[in-house]
């Protein structure tokens, strides 16, 4: 009973991470220091697409589904399993990836513009 719950929880966390990856840059409009964690998330997301870095959430979900006696994600991973062909046609994946990139860059540009209007030093890393 616990393995299906783990798998479903990981799936929900994965969806939340993807939502943050796409829209998290807009949080920096309100909270400028949110730019840095979003930059890290976006860099990792880009690495999974461009370099082929493995995703620990996909691995964890596959493990939990296997322990639960369920079929794991398809070889294309989380996005291929849950989004491609469901939310958009499979042949549009490059367009969707480009759109995500544009949204992220626009969110960062908007954050920079908003922050620069308020304070020129707002995007600095916090002092320790």
N, C-alpha and C. Protein backbone atom coordinates (compact mmCIF):
# COMPACT_ATOMS: atom_id res chain seq x y z
N UNK A 1 0.82 -1.21 0.00
CA UNK A 1 0.00 0.00 0.00
C UNK A 1 0.86 1.27 0.00
N UNK A 2 2.03 1.21 0.60
CA UNK A 2 2.84 2.43 0.69
C UNK A 2 3.54 2.76 -0.62
N UNK A 3 3.89 1.76 -1.43
CA UNK A 3 4.61 2.04 -2.68
C UNK A 3 3.77 2.80 -3.70
N UNK A 4 2.48 2.46 -3.88
CA UNK A 4 1.67 3.30 -4.79
C UNK A 4 1.55 4.73 -4.29
N UNK A 5 1.48 4.91 -2.98
CA UNK A 5 1.41 6.26 -2.41
C UNK A 5 2.71 7.01 -2.67
N UNK A 6 3.84 6.32 -2.51
CA UNK A 6 5.13 6.95 -2.80
C UNK A 6 5.19 7.36 -4.26
N UNK A 7 4.80 6.44 -5.15
CA UNK A 7 4.84 6.73 -6.59
C UNK A 7 3.96 7.91 -6.95
N UNK A 8 2.75 7.94 -6.40
CA UNK A 8 1.84 9.04 -6.70
C UNK A 8 2.32 10.37 -6.11
N UNK A 9 2.94 10.30 -4.95
CA UNK A 9 3.49 11.51 -4.34
C UNK A 9 4.65 12.05 -5.18
N UNK A 10 5.52 11.16 -5.62
CA UNK A 10 6.64 11.58 -6.47
C UNK A 10 6.11 12.18 -7.77
N UNK A 11 5.06 11.57 -8.33
CA UNK A 11 4.47 12.12 -9.56
C UNK A 11 3.96 13.54 -9.31
N UNK A 12 3.28 13.77 -8.19
CA UNK A 12 2.78 15.11 -7.87
C UNK A 12 3.92 16.10 -7.66
N UNK A 13 4.99 15.67 -6.99
CA UNK A 13 6.16 16.53 -6.79
C UNK A 13 6.80 16.86 -8.14
N UNK A 14 6.83 15.88 -9.03
CA UNK A 14 7.41 16.09 -10.35
C UNK A 14 6.60 17.13 -11.13
N UNK A 15 5.27 17.01 -11.09
CA UNK A 15 4.42 18.01 -11.74
C UNK A 15 4.66 19.40 -11.13
N UNK A 16 4.79 19.45 -9.80
CA UNK A 16 5.04 20.74 -9.14
C UNK A 16 6.38 21.32 -9.57
N UNK A 17 7.41 20.46 -9.68
CA UNK A 17 8.71 20.93 -10.13
C UNK A 17 8.63 21.49 -11.54
N UNK A 18 7.92 20.80 -12.43
CA UNK A 18 7.79 21.30 -13.80
C UNK A 18 7.03 22.62 -13.84
N UNK A 19 5.99 22.75 -13.01
CA UNK A 19 5.26 24.01 -12.95
C UNK A 19 6.19 25.13 -12.46
N UNK A 20 7.00 24.82 -11.45
CA UNK A 20 7.97 25.79 -10.95
C UNK A 20 9.00 26.12 -12.02
N UNK A 21 9.44 25.10 -12.74
CA UNK A 21 10.43 25.32 -13.81
C UNK A 21 9.89 26.29 -14.85
N UNK A 22 8.64 26.15 -15.22
CA UNK A 22 8.05 27.01 -16.25
C UNK A 22 7.72 28.39 -15.68
N UNK A 23 7.12 28.44 -14.52
CA UNK A 23 6.57 29.71 -14.01
C UNK A 23 7.32 30.31 -12.82
N UNK A 24 8.29 29.60 -12.29
CA UNK A 24 8.97 30.07 -11.08
C UNK A 24 9.68 31.39 -11.22
N UNK A 25 10.11 31.72 -12.42
CA UNK A 25 10.79 33.00 -12.62
C UNK A 25 9.90 34.20 -12.32
N UNK A 26 8.60 33.99 -12.43
CA UNK A 26 7.67 35.09 -12.12
C UNK A 26 7.64 35.39 -10.62
N UNK A 27 8.02 34.41 -9.79
CA UNK A 27 8.09 34.67 -8.35
C UNK A 27 9.13 35.73 -8.03
N UNK A 28 10.17 35.79 -8.86
CA UNK A 28 11.24 36.78 -8.63
C UNK A 28 10.75 38.20 -8.88
N UNK A 29 9.62 38.36 -9.53
CA UNK A 29 9.06 39.70 -9.71
C UNK A 29 8.67 40.26 -8.35
N UNK A 30 8.19 39.39 -7.47
CA UNK A 30 7.75 39.80 -6.14
C UNK A 30 8.86 39.63 -5.11
N UNK A 31 9.56 38.48 -5.21
CA UNK A 31 10.63 38.14 -4.28
C UNK A 31 11.92 37.93 -5.09
N UNK A 32 12.71 38.97 -5.26
CA UNK A 32 13.88 38.91 -6.14
C UNK A 32 14.86 37.78 -5.86
N UNK A 33 15.03 37.40 -4.63
CA UNK A 33 15.99 36.33 -4.33
C UNK A 33 15.50 34.96 -4.79
N UNK A 34 14.26 34.86 -5.21
CA UNK A 34 13.75 33.61 -5.79
C UNK A 34 14.35 33.35 -7.16
N UNK A 35 15.02 34.35 -7.72
CA UNK A 35 15.67 34.16 -9.02
C UNK A 35 16.71 33.05 -8.95
N UNK A 36 17.51 33.01 -7.90
CA UNK A 36 18.63 32.07 -7.82
C UNK A 36 18.18 30.61 -7.75
N UNK A 37 17.20 30.27 -6.92
CA UNK A 37 16.74 28.87 -6.95
C UNK A 37 16.09 28.51 -8.29
N UNK A 38 15.43 29.50 -8.90
CA UNK A 38 14.82 29.21 -10.19
C UNK A 38 15.89 29.03 -11.26
N UNK A 39 16.94 29.79 -11.19
CA UNK A 39 18.06 29.62 -12.12
C UNK A 39 18.63 28.20 -12.01
N UNK A 40 18.80 27.72 -10.79
CA UNK A 40 19.30 26.36 -10.58
C UNK A 40 18.33 25.32 -11.16
N UNK A 41 17.03 25.50 -10.91
CA UNK A 41 16.04 24.57 -11.45
C UNK A 41 16.03 24.59 -12.97
N UNK A 42 16.10 25.77 -13.54
CA UNK A 42 16.08 25.89 -15.00
C UNK A 42 17.35 25.29 -15.61
N UNK A 43 18.48 25.48 -14.96
CA UNK A 43 19.73 24.89 -15.47
C UNK A 43 19.66 23.37 -15.42
N UNK A 44 19.10 22.84 -14.34
CA UNK A 44 18.97 21.38 -14.25
C UNK A 44 17.99 20.87 -15.31
N UNK A 45 16.87 21.56 -15.46
CA UNK A 45 15.90 21.16 -16.49
C UNK A 45 16.51 21.20 -17.88
N UNK A 46 17.28 22.22 -18.16
CA UNK A 46 17.95 22.31 -19.46
C UNK A 46 18.94 21.17 -19.62
N UNK A 47 19.63 20.83 -18.55
CA UNK A 47 20.58 19.72 -18.60
C UNK A 47 19.92 18.39 -18.88
N UNK A 48 18.72 18.19 -18.34
CA UNK A 48 18.03 16.92 -18.62
C UNK A 48 17.61 16.82 -20.07
N UNK A 49 17.28 17.96 -20.68
CA UNK A 49 16.84 17.96 -22.07
C UNK A 49 18.03 17.93 -23.03
N UNK A 50 19.01 18.79 -22.80
CA UNK A 50 20.12 18.95 -23.75
C UNK A 50 21.21 17.88 -23.54
N UNK A 51 21.61 17.70 -22.30
CA UNK A 51 22.72 16.80 -22.00
C UNK A 51 22.22 15.37 -21.76
N UNK A 52 20.98 15.24 -21.30
CA UNK A 52 20.44 13.92 -20.99
C UNK A 52 20.71 13.49 -19.56
N UNK A 53 20.89 14.48 -18.66
CA UNK A 53 21.09 14.13 -17.26
C UNK A 53 19.91 13.31 -16.76
N UNK A 54 20.14 12.35 -15.90
CA UNK A 54 19.03 11.56 -15.36
C UNK A 54 18.24 12.37 -14.34
N UNK A 55 16.98 12.06 -14.23
CA UNK A 55 16.13 12.74 -13.25
C UNK A 55 15.90 11.82 -12.06
N UNK A 56 16.29 12.24 -10.86
CA UNK A 56 16.09 11.38 -9.69
C UNK A 56 14.62 11.14 -9.38
N UNK A 57 13.75 12.08 -9.72
CA UNK A 57 12.32 11.87 -9.48
C UNK A 57 11.77 10.77 -10.38
N UNK A 58 12.21 10.71 -11.62
CA UNK A 58 11.78 9.65 -12.52
C UNK A 58 12.27 8.30 -11.99
N UNK A 59 13.51 8.27 -11.59
CA UNK A 59 14.07 7.02 -11.05
C UNK A 59 13.29 6.57 -9.81
N UNK A 60 12.98 7.50 -8.92
CA UNK A 60 12.25 7.17 -7.69
C UNK A 60 10.83 6.70 -8.01
N UNK A 61 10.17 7.37 -8.94
CA UNK A 61 8.82 6.92 -9.30
C UNK A 61 8.85 5.54 -9.92
N UNK A 62 9.80 5.28 -10.81
CA UNK A 62 9.91 3.95 -11.42
C UNK A 62 10.16 2.88 -10.36
N UNK A 63 11.02 3.18 -9.40
CA UNK A 63 11.30 2.23 -8.32
C UNK A 63 10.04 1.93 -7.52
N UNK A 64 9.30 2.97 -7.13
CA UNK A 64 8.10 2.77 -6.32
C UNK A 64 7.03 2.02 -7.11
N UNK A 65 6.86 2.35 -8.38
CA UNK A 65 5.87 1.63 -9.19
C UNK A 65 6.27 0.16 -9.36
N UNK A 66 7.55 -0.10 -9.51
CA UNK A 66 8.02 -1.49 -9.62
C UNK A 66 7.73 -2.25 -8.33
N UNK A 67 8.02 -1.64 -7.19
CA UNK A 67 7.75 -2.28 -5.89
C UNK A 67 6.25 -2.50 -5.68
N UNK A 68 5.43 -1.64 -6.28
CA UNK A 68 3.97 -1.77 -6.15
C UNK A 68 3.39 -2.75 -7.16
N UNK A 69 4.26 -3.29 -8.02
CA UNK A 69 3.78 -4.22 -9.04
C UNK A 69 3.13 -3.52 -10.22
N UNK A 70 3.42 -2.24 -10.38
CA UNK A 70 2.87 -1.46 -11.48
C UNK A 70 3.92 -1.27 -12.57
N UNK A 71 3.43 -0.91 -13.74
CA UNK A 71 4.35 -0.61 -14.84
C UNK A 71 4.98 0.76 -14.59
N UNK A 72 6.28 0.87 -14.88
CA UNK A 72 6.98 2.13 -14.71
C UNK A 72 6.69 3.09 -15.85
N UNK A 73 7.35 4.21 -15.82
CA UNK A 73 7.20 5.20 -16.88
C UNK A 73 7.81 4.66 -18.16
N UNK A 74 7.35 5.18 -19.28
CA UNK A 74 7.95 4.73 -20.54
C UNK A 74 9.39 5.22 -20.63
N UNK A 75 10.18 4.67 -21.53
CA UNK A 75 11.61 5.01 -21.59
C UNK A 75 11.90 6.50 -21.81
N UNK A 76 10.96 7.24 -22.34
CA UNK A 76 11.16 8.67 -22.55
C UNK A 76 11.10 9.48 -21.28
N UNK A 77 10.67 8.87 -20.17
CA UNK A 77 10.63 9.56 -18.89
C UNK A 77 9.29 10.19 -18.58
N UNK A 78 9.31 11.02 -17.57
CA UNK A 78 8.10 11.63 -17.01
C UNK A 78 7.33 12.45 -18.04
N UNK A 79 8.02 13.34 -18.73
CA UNK A 79 7.34 14.22 -19.69
C UNK A 79 6.73 13.40 -20.81
N UNK A 80 7.49 12.45 -21.31
CA UNK A 80 7.00 11.59 -22.38
C UNK A 80 5.79 10.78 -21.92
N UNK A 81 5.82 10.32 -20.68
CA UNK A 81 4.75 9.46 -20.16
C UNK A 81 3.46 10.23 -19.86
N UNK A 82 3.60 11.38 -19.20
CA UNK A 82 2.41 12.09 -18.72
C UNK A 82 1.97 13.27 -19.59
N UNK A 83 2.87 13.88 -20.34
CA UNK A 83 2.52 15.12 -21.02
C UNK A 83 2.47 15.01 -22.55
N UNK A 84 3.55 14.45 -23.14
CA UNK A 84 3.62 14.37 -24.59
C UNK A 84 2.55 13.42 -25.10
N UNK A 85 1.75 13.90 -26.02
CA UNK A 85 0.64 13.11 -26.54
C UNK A 85 -0.62 13.24 -25.72
N UNK A 86 -0.51 13.86 -24.55
CA UNK A 86 -1.69 14.08 -23.70
C UNK A 86 -2.06 15.56 -23.72
N UNK A 87 -1.11 16.43 -23.37
CA UNK A 87 -1.37 17.88 -23.36
C UNK A 87 -1.06 18.53 -24.71
N UNK A 88 -0.20 17.90 -25.48
CA UNK A 88 0.17 18.42 -26.80
C UNK A 88 0.59 17.23 -27.66
N UNK A 89 0.45 17.37 -28.97
CA UNK A 89 0.86 16.27 -29.85
C UNK A 89 2.37 16.01 -29.77
N UNK A 90 2.75 14.76 -29.90
CA UNK A 90 4.15 14.37 -29.76
C UNK A 90 5.06 15.11 -30.74
N UNK A 91 4.56 15.40 -31.93
CA UNK A 91 5.41 16.08 -32.92
C UNK A 91 5.62 17.56 -32.59
N UNK A 92 4.95 18.05 -31.57
CA UNK A 92 5.09 19.46 -31.15
C UNK A 92 6.04 19.64 -29.97
N UNK A 93 6.68 18.56 -29.53
CA UNK A 93 7.57 18.65 -28.38
C UNK A 93 8.64 19.73 -28.55
N UNK A 94 9.33 19.84 -29.69
CA UNK A 94 10.32 20.92 -29.82
C UNK A 94 9.71 22.31 -29.69
N UNK A 95 8.48 22.48 -30.16
CA UNK A 95 7.80 23.78 -30.02
C UNK A 95 7.47 24.07 -28.56
N UNK A 96 7.05 23.04 -27.85
CA UNK A 96 6.72 23.21 -26.43
C UNK A 96 7.99 23.54 -25.65
N UNK A 97 9.09 22.84 -25.94
CA UNK A 97 10.35 23.13 -25.26
C UNK A 97 10.81 24.56 -25.54
N UNK A 98 10.66 25.01 -26.78
CA UNK A 98 11.03 26.38 -27.12
C UNK A 98 10.14 27.38 -26.39
N UNK A 99 8.85 27.09 -26.32
CA UNK A 99 7.91 27.98 -25.62
C UNK A 99 8.26 28.06 -24.14
N UNK A 100 8.62 26.94 -23.53
CA UNK A 100 9.03 26.96 -22.12
C UNK A 100 10.27 27.84 -21.96
N UNK A 101 11.23 27.69 -22.86
CA UNK A 101 12.43 28.53 -22.80
C UNK A 101 12.10 30.01 -22.91
N UNK A 102 11.19 30.35 -23.81
CA UNK A 102 10.79 31.75 -23.98
C UNK A 102 10.10 32.27 -22.71
N UNK A 103 9.23 31.46 -22.13
CA UNK A 103 8.54 31.87 -20.90
C UNK A 103 9.54 32.12 -19.78
N UNK A 104 10.51 31.22 -19.63
CA UNK A 104 11.52 31.38 -18.58
C UNK A 104 12.33 32.66 -18.81
N UNK A 105 12.80 32.87 -20.03
CA UNK A 105 13.60 34.07 -20.31
C UNK A 105 12.77 35.34 -20.10
N UNK A 106 11.53 35.33 -20.54
CA UNK A 106 10.67 36.50 -20.32
C UNK A 106 10.42 36.75 -18.84
N UNK A 107 10.26 35.68 -18.07
CA UNK A 107 10.05 35.86 -16.63
C UNK A 107 11.28 36.48 -15.99
N UNK A 108 12.46 36.04 -16.44
CA UNK A 108 13.70 36.62 -15.89
C UNK A 108 13.87 38.07 -16.32
N UNK A 109 13.55 38.36 -17.58
CA UNK A 109 13.65 39.75 -18.06
C UNK A 109 12.70 40.64 -17.27
N UNK A 110 11.48 40.16 -17.04
CA UNK A 110 10.52 40.92 -16.25
C UNK A 110 10.97 41.10 -14.82
N UNK A 111 11.58 40.07 -14.26
CA UNK A 111 12.10 40.17 -12.89
C UNK A 111 13.21 41.21 -12.82
N UNK A 112 14.11 41.16 -13.78
CA UNK A 112 15.20 42.14 -13.81
C UNK A 112 14.66 43.56 -13.93
N UNK A 113 13.71 43.75 -14.83
CA UNK A 113 13.12 45.07 -15.02
C UNK A 113 12.42 45.55 -13.74
N UNK A 114 11.64 44.66 -13.13
CA UNK A 114 10.90 45.02 -11.91
C UNK A 114 11.86 45.34 -10.78
N UNK A 115 12.88 44.51 -10.62
CA UNK A 115 13.82 44.69 -9.53
C UNK A 115 14.66 45.95 -9.73
N UNK A 116 15.10 46.18 -10.93
CA UNK A 116 15.92 47.38 -11.20
C UNK A 116 15.14 48.66 -10.92
N UNK A 117 13.85 48.61 -11.13
CA UNK A 117 13.03 49.79 -10.79
C UNK A 117 13.01 50.03 -9.29
N UNK A 118 13.01 48.95 -8.51
CA UNK A 118 12.94 49.08 -7.06
C UNK A 118 14.29 49.38 -6.43
N UNK A 119 15.28 48.53 -6.78
CA UNK A 119 16.59 48.64 -6.14
C UNK A 119 17.65 47.98 -7.02
N UNK A 120 18.71 48.67 -7.32
CA UNK A 120 19.74 48.09 -8.19
C UNK A 120 20.48 46.90 -7.58
N UNK A 121 20.41 46.71 -6.26
CA UNK A 121 21.15 45.62 -5.62
C UNK A 121 20.25 44.47 -5.18
N UNK A 122 19.02 44.43 -5.57
CA UNK A 122 18.06 43.45 -5.05
C UNK A 122 18.36 42.01 -5.45
N UNK A 123 19.03 41.79 -6.56
CA UNK A 123 19.29 40.42 -7.01
C UNK A 123 20.57 39.82 -6.44
N UNK A 124 21.26 40.55 -5.62
CA UNK A 124 22.48 40.02 -5.04
C UNK A 124 22.19 38.84 -4.14
N UNK A 125 23.15 37.93 -4.09
CA UNK A 125 23.01 36.80 -3.18
C UNK A 125 23.05 37.29 -1.74
N UNK A 126 22.31 36.62 -0.85
CA UNK A 126 22.31 37.06 0.55
C UNK A 126 23.68 36.87 1.19
N UNK A 127 24.02 37.77 2.11
CA UNK A 127 25.28 37.68 2.85
C UNK A 127 25.13 36.67 3.96
N UNK A 128 26.23 35.97 4.24
CA UNK A 128 26.16 34.96 5.33
C UNK A 128 26.97 35.39 6.49
